[in-house]
C-alpha atoms as a PDB file:
ATOM      1  CA  MET A   1      -4.250  -2.313 -14.251  1.00  0.00           C
ATOM      2  CA  ARG A   2      -4.218   0.721 -11.956  1.00  0.00           C
ATOM      3  CA  ILE A   3      -1.819   0.405  -9.021  1.00  0.00           C
ATOM      4  CA  ALA A   4      -1.211   2.692  -6.043  1.00  0.00           C
ATOM      5  CA  VAL A   5       2.295   2.409  -4.616  1.00  0.00           C
ATOM      6  CA  THR A   6       2.971   3.485  -1.038  1.00  0.00           C
ATOM      7  CA  SER A   7       5.894   5.862  -1.398  1.00  0.00           C
ATOM      8  CA  GLN A   8       6.677   8.431   1.265  1.00  0.00           C
ATOM      9  CA  ASN A   9       9.537   9.784  -0.898  1.00  0.00           C
ATOM     10  CA  PHE A  10       7.913   9.318  -4.353  1.00  0.00           C
ATOM     11  CA  ARG A  11      10.944   7.219  -5.388  1.00  0.00           C
ATOM     12  CA  THR A  12      10.769   3.871  -3.592  1.00  0.00           C
ATOM     13  CA  ILE A  13       8.137   1.508  -2.254  1.00  0.00           C
ATOM     14  CA  THR A  14       7.707   2.158   1.458  1.00  0.00           C
ATOM     15  CA  GLY A  15       5.783   0.352   4.168  1.00  0.00           C
ATOM     16  CA  HIS A  16       3.081   0.978   6.730  1.00  0.00           C
ATOM     17  CA  ALA A  17       0.383   1.196   4.069  1.00  0.00           C
ATOM     18  CA  GLY A  18      -2.330   2.332   6.468  1.00  0.00           C
ATOM     19  CA  LYS A  19      -0.285   5.292   7.672  1.00  0.00           C
ATOM     20  CA  THR A  20       1.066   6.359   4.281  1.00  0.00           C
ATOM     21  CA  ARG A  21      -0.130   9.674   2.862  1.00  0.00           C
ATOM     22  CA  ARG A  22       1.939   9.611  -0.320  1.00  0.00           C
ATOM     23  CA  PHE A  23       1.147   7.327  -3.223  1.00  0.00           C
ATOM     24  CA  LEU A  24       2.338   6.945  -6.778  1.00  0.00           C
ATOM     25  CA  ILE A  25      -0.580   6.028  -9.029  1.00  0.00           C
ATOM     26  CA  LEU A  26       0.597   3.867 -11.928  1.00  0.00           C
ATOM     27  CA  GLU A  27      -1.146   2.458 -14.970  1.00  0.00           C
ATOM     28  CA  ALA A  28       0.290  -0.851 -16.172  1.00  0.00           C
ATOM     29  CA  ASP A  29      -0.592  -3.738 -18.425  1.00  0.00           C
ATOM     30  CA  ALA A  30       1.043  -7.060 -19.184  1.00  0.00           C
ATOM     31  CA  ARG A  31       2.497  -5.744 -22.456  1.00  0.00           C
ATOM     32  CA  GLY A  32       4.387  -2.654 -21.353  1.00  0.00           C
ATOM     33  CA  GLU A  33       6.126  -0.633 -18.702  1.00  0.00           C
ATOM     34  CA  PRO A  34       3.953   1.067 -16.097  1.00  0.00           C
ATOM     35  CA  VAL A  35       3.328   4.776 -16.478  1.00  0.00           C
ATOM     36  CA  GLU A  36       2.992   7.205 -13.589  1.00  0.00           C
ATOM     37  CA  ILE A  37      -0.330   8.998 -13.994  1.00  0.00           C
ATOM     38  CA  GLU A  38      -0.626  10.793 -10.656  1.00  0.00           C
ATOM     39  CA  ARG A  39       1.007  11.503  -7.303  1.00  0.00           C
ATOM     40  CA  LEU A  40      -1.136  11.725  -4.204  1.00  0.00           C
ATOM     41  CA  ASP A  41       0.289  13.774  -1.346  1.00  0.00           C
ATOM     42  CA  LEU A  42      -2.542  13.690   1.160  1.00  0.00           C
ATOM     43  CA  PRO A  43      -2.849  16.113   4.078  1.00  0.00           C
ATOM     44  CA  ALA A  44      -2.609  15.057   7.711  1.00  0.00           C
ATOM     45  CA  GLY A  45      -5.671  13.114   8.789  1.00  0.00           C
ATOM     46  CA  LEU A  46      -6.100  11.407   5.410  1.00  0.00           C
ATOM     47  CA  SER A  47      -3.991   8.324   5.923  1.00  0.00           C
ATOM     48  CA  LEU A  48      -6.263   5.299   5.682  1.00  0.00           C
ATOM     49  CA  HIS A  49      -5.440   4.621   9.321  1.00  0.00           C
ATOM     50  CA  ASP A  50      -6.919   7.982  10.321  1.00  0.00           C
ATOM     51  CA  HIS A  51      -9.746   8.372   7.789  1.00  0.00           C
ATOM     52  CA  HIS A  52     -12.583   5.879   8.086  1.00  0.00           C
ATOM     53  CA  GLY A  53     -15.136   7.121   5.568  1.00  0.00           C
ATOM     54  CA  ASP A  54     -16.010   5.734   2.149  1.00  0.00           C
ATOM     55  CA  ASP A  55     -14.882   9.009   0.570  1.00  0.00           C
ATOM     56  CA  HIS A  56     -11.118   8.504   0.813  1.00  0.00           C
ATOM     57  CA  PRO A  57      -9.258   9.875  -2.257  1.00  0.00           C
ATOM     58  CA  LEU A  58      -7.779   6.444  -3.055  1.00  0.00           C
ATOM     59  CA  PHE A  59     -11.257   5.016  -3.535  1.00  0.00           C
ATOM     60  CA  THR A  60     -11.999   7.397  -6.429  1.00  0.00           C
ATOM     61  CA  ARG A  61      -8.945   6.400  -8.487  1.00  0.00           C
ATOM     62  CA  GLY A  62     -10.258   3.128  -9.936  1.00  0.00           C
ATOM     63  CA  LEU A  63      -7.506   1.104  -8.280  1.00  0.00           C
ATOM     64  CA  ASP A  64      -6.991  -2.597  -8.821  1.00  0.00           C
ATOM     65  CA  ALA A  65      -4.062  -3.003  -6.440  1.00  0.00           C
ATOM     66  CA  ILE A  66      -1.837  -1.415  -3.826  1.00  0.00           C
ATOM     67  CA  LEU A  67       1.878  -2.224  -3.711  1.00  0.00           C
ATOM     68  CA  THR A  68       3.556  -1.728  -0.344  1.00  0.00           C
ATOM     69  CA  GLN A  69       6.318  -3.102   1.816  1.00  0.00           C
ATOM     70  CA  SER A  70       3.995  -3.777   4.746  1.00  0.00           C
ATOM     71  CA  ALA A  71       0.297  -3.879   5.520  1.00  0.00           C
ATOM     72  CA  GLY A  72      -1.689  -5.277   8.398  1.00  0.00           C
ATOM     73  CA  GLN A  73      -4.679  -7.570   8.095  1.00  0.00           C
ATOM     74  CA  GLY A  74      -7.129  -4.773   8.912  1.00  0.00           C
ATOM     75  CA  PHE A  75      -5.797  -2.735   5.995  1.00  0.00           C
ATOM     76  CA  ARG A  76      -6.022  -5.738   3.671  1.00  0.00           C
ATOM     77  CA  THR A  77      -9.595  -6.456   4.741  1.00  0.00           C
ATOM     78  CA  ARG A  78     -10.652  -2.849   4.252  1.00  0.00           C
ATOM     79  CA  MET A  79      -9.110  -2.651   0.769  1.00  0.00           C
ATOM     80  CA  ALA A  80     -10.774  -5.934  -0.210  1.00  0.00           C
ATOM     81  CA  ARG A  81     -14.154  -4.335   0.548  1.00  0.00           C
ATOM     82  CA  TYR A  82     -13.360  -1.844  -2.222  1.00  0.00           C
ATOM     83  CA  GLY A  83     -12.095  -4.489  -4.633  1.00  0.00           C
ATOM     84  CA  ILE A  84      -8.447  -3.466  -4.181  1.00  0.00           C
ATOM     85  CA  ALA A  85      -5.854  -6.245  -3.806  1.00  0.00           C
ATOM     86  CA  VAL A  86      -2.924  -5.529  -1.471  1.00  0.00           C
ATOM     87  CA  HIS A  87       0.501  -6.855  -2.469  1.00  0.00           C
ATOM     88  CA  ALA A  88       3.306  -6.609   0.090  1.00  0.00           C
ATOM     89  CA  THR A  89       6.846  -7.023  -1.187  1.00  0.00           C
ATOM     90  CA  SER A  90      10.445  -6.385  -0.244  1.00  0.00           C
ATOM     91  CA  ALA A  91      10.964  -4.793  -3.682  1.00  0.00           C
ATOM     92  CA  THR A  92      11.865  -1.122  -3.582  1.00  0.00           C
ATOM     93  CA  ASP A  93      11.530  -0.020  -7.231  1.00  0.00           C
ATOM     94  CA  PRO A  94       7.915   0.981  -7.972  1.00  0.00           C
ATOM     95  CA  MET A  95       8.156   0.634 -11.753  1.00  0.00           C
ATOM     96  CA  SER A  96       9.726  -2.829 -11.858  1.00  0.00           C
ATOM     97  CA  ALA A  97       7.429  -4.154  -9.118  1.00  0.00           C
ATOM     98  CA  ALA A  98       4.353  -2.764 -10.908  1.00  0.00           C
ATOM     99  CA  ALA A  99       5.545  -4.296 -14.190  1.00  0.00           C
ATOM    100  CA  ASP A 100       5.974  -7.669 -12.469  1.00  0.00           C
ATOM    101  CA  LEU A 101       2.553  -7.415 -10.847  1.00  0.00           C
ATOM    102  CA  ALA A 102       0.815  -6.482 -14.110  1.00  0.00           C
ATOM    103  CA  ALA A 103       2.573  -9.313 -15.966  1.00  0.00           C
ATOM    104  CA  GLY A 104       1.636 -11.844 -13.290  1.00  0.00           C
ATOM    105  CA  ARG A 105       5.244 -12.442 -12.232  1.00  0.00           C
ATOM    106  CA  PRO A 106       5.869 -13.166  -8.541  1.00  0.00           C
ATOM    107  CA  LEU A 107       7.048 -10.319  -6.337  1.00  0.00           C
ATOM    108  CA  PRO A 108       9.835 -10.716  -3.777  1.00  0.00           C
ATOM    109  CA  ALA A 109       8.280 -11.684  -0.456  1.00  0.00           C
ATOM    110  CA  PRO A 110       8.050  -8.997   2.225  1.00  0.00           C
ATOM    111  CA  ALA A 111      10.202  -9.200   5.312  1.00  0.00           C
ATOM    112  CA  PRO A 112       8.303 -11.613   7.613  1.00  0.00           C
ATOM    113  CA  HIS A 113       8.136  -9.289  10.604  1.00  0.00           C
ATOM    114  CA  ASP A 114       6.854  -6.350   8.529  1.00  0.00           C
ATOM    115  CA  ASP A 115       4.028  -7.855   6.493  1.00  0.00           C
ATOM    116  CA  ASP A 116       1.429  -8.101   9.239  1.00  0.00           C
ATOM    117  CA  HIS A 117       2.691  -6.297  12.295  1.00  0.00           C
ATOM    118  CA  GLY A 118      -0.545  -6.805  14.260  1.00  0.00           C
ATOM    119  CA  HIS A 119      -1.287  -4.048  16.706  1.00  0.00           C
ATOM    120  CA  GLY A 120      -4.118  -2.583  18.669  1.00  0.00           C
ATOM    121  CA  HIS A 121      -5.191   0.998  18.511  1.00  0.00           C
ATOM    122  CA  GLY A 122      -3.035   2.240  21.395  1.00  0.00           C
ATOM    123  CA  HIS A 123      -0.574   4.049  19.138  1.00  0.00           C
ATOM    124  CA  GLY A 124       1.311   6.028  21.738  1.00  0.00           C
ATOM    125  CA  HIS A 125       4.457   3.906  21.562  1.00  0.00           C
ATOM    126  CA  GLY A 126       5.245   3.939  17.838  1.00  0.00           C
ATOM    127  CA  HIS A 127       7.634   0.971  18.056  1.00  0.00           C
ATOM    128  CA  GLY A 128       5.336  -2.034  18.458  1.00  0.00           C
ATOM    129  CA  HIS A 129       6.819  -4.072  15.595  1.00  0.00           C
ATOM    130  CA  GLY A 130       6.988  -7.757  16.190  1.00  0.00           C
ATOM    131  CA  GLN A 131       4.476  -7.576  18.999  1.00  0.00           C
ATOM    132  CA  THR A 132       1.008  -8.941  18.716  1.00  0.00           C
ATOM    133  CA  GLY A 133      -1.911  -6.972  19.930  1.00  0.00           C
ATOM    134  CA  GLY A 134      -5.656  -6.997  19.899  1.00  0.00           C
ATOM    135  CA  ALA A 135      -7.506  -5.462  17.014  1.00  0.00           C
END
């Protein structure tokens, strides 16, 4: 199983999957510990929130899943179109969370207010968590 982990610091699982530009790419199976095979540090303009083409670098990695601490419904829908499952969790350790995911063990649930922080595309405020907005 190939898993991308949203990780702005390359050490912990971070949130805001659509705006993340740093990902750990892990290879894991049900029998062993995940192995880091790549780090993506994408330039400005290549977050999935900003880049809308089919040529995004994540789509060429053969991913099965994305692990994150938060992702909106639009992000989940877009990833599903590419056959990538999105798993939001409150876990912070990429390796243990990826091992749990690959083994089919449940992940700790994400914080309720972070998992789907619905918002429109007026991003001038930057602090719209907990608010609902049009899509």
